[in-house]
Amino acid sequence: MTSKVIRFEMGNRIKVSDREMFHYYKNHQKEFWTPGKFFVSHILFIVDPKSADKERRLKELKAREILRRLRAGQDFAELARK
């Protein structure tokens, strides 16, 4: 409550120009910096060494189909979610 009153009272009296804000930002950029974020996806086909040749071929066909879609421009993240 107190901070709201102070902000209201002071906000009406204190005027900060765009130029002052720009200079403050320019001189304090480290305070505004945040590290970038990355989201990583991968597509993995696990083939059990003991699996039948038919199962291996099916997974290889599926992998080739995904590769074809990627080369055609389909979104990697979208394909990875499937």
N, C-alpha and C. Protein backbone atom coordinates (compact mmCIF):
# COMPACT_ATOMS: atom_id res chain seq x y z
N MET A 1 0.83 -1.19 0.00
CA MET A 1 0.00 0.00 0.00
C MET A 1 0.87 1.26 0.00
N THR A 2 1.88 1.26 0.87
CA THR A 2 2.76 2.42 0.96
C THR A 2 3.46 2.68 -0.36
N SER A 3 3.95 1.62 -0.99
CA SER A 3 4.66 1.80 -2.25
C SER A 3 3.74 2.35 -3.34
N LYS A 4 2.46 1.98 -3.30
CA LYS A 4 1.51 2.52 -4.28
C LYS A 4 1.32 4.02 -4.09
N VAL A 5 1.22 4.44 -2.84
CA VAL A 5 1.05 5.86 -2.54
C VAL A 5 2.28 6.63 -2.98
N ILE A 6 3.46 6.11 -2.64
CA ILE A 6 4.72 6.77 -3.02
C ILE A 6 4.81 6.86 -4.54
N ARG A 7 4.52 5.77 -5.21
CA ARG A 7 4.58 5.75 -6.67
C ARG A 7 3.60 6.77 -7.28
N PHE A 8 2.41 6.84 -6.71
CA PHE A 8 1.42 7.79 -7.21
C PHE A 8 1.89 9.22 -6.99
N GLU A 9 2.34 9.51 -5.77
CA GLU A 9 2.79 10.87 -5.44
C GLU A 9 4.02 11.27 -6.25
N MET A 10 4.99 10.40 -6.32
CA MET A 10 6.25 10.71 -7.00
C MET A 10 6.08 10.68 -8.52
N GLY A 11 5.24 9.80 -8.98
CA GLY A 11 5.02 9.67 -10.42
C GLY A 11 4.49 10.94 -11.05
N ASN A 12 3.74 11.68 -10.29
CA ASN A 12 3.20 12.95 -10.80
C ASN A 12 4.25 14.05 -10.83
N ARG A 13 5.30 13.91 -10.05
CA ARG A 13 6.32 14.96 -9.95
C ARG A 13 7.57 14.68 -10.77
N ILE A 14 7.90 13.41 -10.93
CA ILE A 14 9.14 13.05 -11.61
C ILE A 14 8.86 12.82 -13.09
N LYS A 15 9.59 13.51 -13.90
CA LYS A 15 9.46 13.34 -15.35
C LYS A 15 10.81 12.89 -15.89
N VAL A 16 10.81 11.81 -16.65
CA VAL A 16 12.04 11.28 -17.24
C VAL A 16 11.86 11.32 -18.75
N SER A 17 12.80 11.96 -19.41
CA SER A 17 12.71 12.08 -20.87
C SER A 17 13.16 10.79 -21.54
N ASP A 18 12.79 10.65 -22.80
CA ASP A 18 13.24 9.49 -23.58
C ASP A 18 14.76 9.46 -23.66
N ARG A 19 15.35 10.61 -23.77
CA ARG A 19 16.81 10.70 -23.86
C ARG A 19 17.47 10.20 -22.57
N GLU A 20 16.91 10.60 -21.43
CA GLU A 20 17.45 10.14 -20.14
C GLU A 20 17.31 8.62 -20.01
N MET A 21 16.17 8.09 -20.42
CA MET A 21 15.98 6.64 -20.36
C MET A 21 16.97 5.92 -21.26
N PHE A 22 17.17 6.45 -22.46
CA PHE A 22 18.11 5.84 -23.39
C PHE A 22 19.52 5.83 -22.80
N HIS A 23 19.95 6.95 -22.23
CA HIS A 23 21.30 7.02 -21.66
C HIS A 23 21.44 6.08 -20.46
N TYR A 24 20.40 5.99 -19.64
CA TYR A 24 20.45 5.07 -18.51
C TYR A 24 20.59 3.64 -19.02
N TYR A 25 19.77 3.29 -19.99
CA TYR A 25 19.84 1.94 -20.56
C TYR A 25 21.22 1.67 -21.15
N LYS A 26 21.73 2.62 -21.91
CA LYS A 26 23.02 2.44 -22.56
C LYS A 26 24.14 2.24 -21.54
N ASN A 27 24.07 2.94 -20.42
CA ASN A 27 25.10 2.84 -19.38
C ASN A 27 24.89 1.68 -18.43
N HIS A 28 23.75 1.01 -18.49
CA HIS A 28 23.44 -0.10 -17.57
C HIS A 28 22.95 -1.34 -18.32
N GLN A 29 23.46 -1.56 -19.51
CA GLN A 29 22.96 -2.67 -20.33
C GLN A 29 23.11 -4.03 -19.66
N LYS A 30 24.16 -4.20 -18.87
CA LYS A 30 24.36 -5.49 -18.21
C LYS A 30 23.20 -5.84 -17.28
N GLU A 31 22.55 -4.84 -16.74
CA GLU A 31 21.41 -5.08 -15.85
C GLU A 31 20.19 -5.59 -16.61
N PHE A 32 20.13 -5.33 -17.89
CA PHE A 32 18.98 -5.72 -18.70
C PHE A 32 19.23 -6.99 -19.51
N TRP A 33 20.46 -7.47 -19.53
CA TRP A 33 20.83 -8.62 -20.35
C TRP A 33 20.33 -9.91 -19.71
N THR A 34 19.79 -10.78 -20.51
CA THR A 34 19.42 -12.12 -20.06
C THR A 34 20.01 -13.12 -21.05
N PRO A 35 20.44 -14.26 -20.56
CA PRO A 35 21.03 -15.24 -21.48
C PRO A 35 19.98 -15.78 -22.45
N GLY A 36 20.43 -16.14 -23.63
CA GLY A 36 19.53 -16.70 -24.62
C GLY A 36 19.04 -18.08 -24.20
N LYS A 37 17.93 -18.46 -24.73
CA LYS A 37 17.37 -19.79 -24.44
C LYS A 37 17.28 -20.57 -25.73
N PHE A 38 17.57 -21.84 -25.64
CA PHE A 38 17.50 -22.72 -26.79
C PHE A 38 16.62 -23.91 -26.46
N PHE A 39 15.86 -24.32 -27.41
CA PHE A 39 15.08 -25.53 -27.27
C PHE A 39 15.64 -26.53 -28.28
N VAL A 40 16.01 -27.68 -27.78
CA VAL A 40 16.68 -28.67 -28.61
C VAL A 40 15.75 -29.86 -28.83
N SER A 41 15.71 -30.33 -30.05
CA SER A 41 14.93 -31.51 -30.39
C SER A 41 15.81 -32.48 -31.15
N HIS A 42 15.46 -33.74 -31.07
CA HIS A 42 16.17 -34.72 -31.88
C HIS A 42 15.19 -35.79 -32.33
N ILE A 43 15.57 -36.47 -33.36
CA ILE A 43 14.76 -37.58 -33.87
C ILE A 43 15.64 -38.82 -33.77
N LEU A 44 15.15 -39.79 -33.05
CA LEU A 44 15.95 -40.98 -32.77
C LEU A 44 15.14 -42.23 -33.08
N PHE A 45 15.75 -43.13 -33.79
CA PHE A 45 15.14 -44.43 -34.08
C PHE A 45 15.97 -45.49 -33.38
N ILE A 46 15.39 -46.12 -32.40
CA ILE A 46 16.11 -47.16 -31.67
C ILE A 46 15.76 -48.51 -32.29
N VAL A 47 16.80 -49.22 -32.67
CA VAL A 47 16.61 -50.54 -33.26
C VAL A 47 17.33 -51.55 -32.38
N ASP A 48 16.57 -52.46 -31.85
CA ASP A 48 17.14 -53.51 -31.02
C ASP A 48 17.98 -54.42 -31.91
N PRO A 49 19.21 -54.70 -31.52
CA PRO A 49 20.06 -55.57 -32.35
C PRO A 49 19.44 -56.95 -32.60
N LYS A 50 18.53 -57.34 -31.72
CA LYS A 50 17.89 -58.65 -31.86
C LYS A 50 16.61 -58.59 -32.70
N SER A 51 16.24 -57.40 -33.15
CA SER A 51 14.98 -57.27 -33.89
C SER A 51 15.09 -57.91 -35.28
N ALA A 52 13.95 -58.25 -35.80
CA ALA A 52 13.89 -58.90 -37.12
C ALA A 52 14.24 -57.89 -38.21
N ASP A 53 14.70 -58.42 -39.35
CA ASP A 53 15.06 -57.56 -40.49
C ASP A 53 13.88 -56.70 -40.93
N LYS A 54 12.67 -57.25 -40.86
CA LYS A 54 11.49 -56.51 -41.28
C LYS A 54 11.32 -55.24 -40.43
N GLU A 55 11.50 -55.37 -39.12
CA GLU A 55 11.37 -54.22 -38.22
C GLU A 55 12.45 -53.17 -38.52
N ARG A 56 13.65 -53.64 -38.77
CA ARG A 56 14.75 -52.72 -39.11
C ARG A 56 14.44 -51.96 -40.39
N ARG A 57 13.93 -52.67 -41.39
CA ARG A 57 13.61 -52.03 -42.66
C ARG A 57 12.49 -50.99 -42.49
N LEU A 58 11.50 -51.31 -41.67
CA LEU A 58 10.41 -50.37 -41.42
C LEU A 58 10.92 -49.09 -40.77
N LYS A 59 11.82 -49.22 -39.81
CA LYS A 59 12.38 -48.04 -39.15
C LYS A 59 13.25 -47.25 -40.12
N GLU A 60 13.98 -47.95 -40.98
CA GLU A 60 14.80 -47.25 -41.96
C GLU A 60 13.92 -46.49 -42.95
N LEU A 61 12.82 -47.10 -43.37
CA LEU A 61 11.89 -46.43 -44.28
C LEU A 61 11.29 -45.18 -43.62
N LYS A 62 10.95 -45.32 -42.35
CA LYS A 62 10.39 -44.17 -41.63
C LYS A 62 11.43 -43.05 -41.52
N ALA A 63 12.68 -43.41 -41.24
CA ALA A 63 13.76 -42.42 -41.15
C ALA A 63 13.97 -41.73 -42.49
N ARG A 64 13.95 -42.50 -43.56
CA ARG A 64 14.12 -41.91 -44.90
C ARG A 64 12.96 -40.97 -45.25
N GLU A 65 11.75 -41.33 -44.83
CA GLU A 65 10.59 -40.48 -45.08
C GLU A 65 10.73 -39.15 -44.32
N ILE A 66 11.17 -39.21 -43.10
CA ILE A 66 11.37 -37.98 -42.32
C ILE A 66 12.46 -37.14 -42.96
N LEU A 67 13.54 -37.76 -43.40
CA LEU A 67 14.62 -37.03 -44.06
C LEU A 67 14.10 -36.36 -45.34
N ARG A 68 13.26 -37.05 -46.08
CA ARG A 68 12.68 -36.48 -47.29
C ARG A 68 11.84 -35.25 -46.95
N ARG A 69 11.04 -35.34 -45.89
CA ARG A 69 10.20 -34.21 -45.48
C ARG A 69 11.05 -33.02 -45.03
N LEU A 70 12.13 -33.31 -44.31
CA LEU A 70 13.02 -32.23 -43.87
C LEU A 70 13.64 -31.52 -45.07
N ARG A 71 14.10 -32.30 -46.03
CA ARG A 71 14.71 -31.71 -47.23
C ARG A 71 13.69 -30.92 -48.04
N ALA A 72 12.41 -31.28 -47.90
CA ALA A 72 11.35 -30.56 -48.60
C ALA A 72 10.95 -29.29 -47.86
N GLY A 73 11.53 -29.10 -46.66
CA GLY A 73 11.27 -27.86 -45.94
C GLY A 73 10.33 -27.96 -44.76
N GLN A 74 9.90 -29.16 -44.41
CA GLN A 74 9.01 -29.30 -43.27
C GLN A 74 9.77 -28.99 -41.98
N ASP A 75 9.07 -28.49 -40.99
CA ASP A 75 9.66 -28.05 -39.73
C ASP A 75 10.22 -29.23 -38.92
N PHE A 76 11.50 -29.12 -38.54
CA PHE A 76 12.17 -30.18 -37.79
C PHE A 76 11.47 -30.44 -36.46
N ALA A 77 11.19 -29.38 -35.71
CA ALA A 77 10.58 -29.54 -34.39
C ALA A 77 9.23 -30.24 -34.49
N GLU A 78 8.48 -29.91 -35.52
CA GLU A 78 7.18 -30.55 -35.73
C GLU A 78 7.35 -32.05 -35.98
N LEU A 79 8.31 -32.40 -36.81
CA LEU A 79 8.55 -33.82 -37.10
C LEU A 79 9.08 -34.54 -35.86
N ALA A 80 9.89 -33.87 -35.07
CA ALA A 80 10.45 -34.50 -33.87
C ALA A 80 9.35 -34.79 -32.84
N ARG A 81 8.31 -33.98 -32.81
CA ARG A 81 7.21 -34.20 -31.85
C ARG A 81 6.38 -35.41 -32.20
N LYS A 82 6.37 -35.80 -33.47
CA LYS A 82 5.51 -36.92 -33.91
C LYS A 82 6.05 -38.25 -33.47
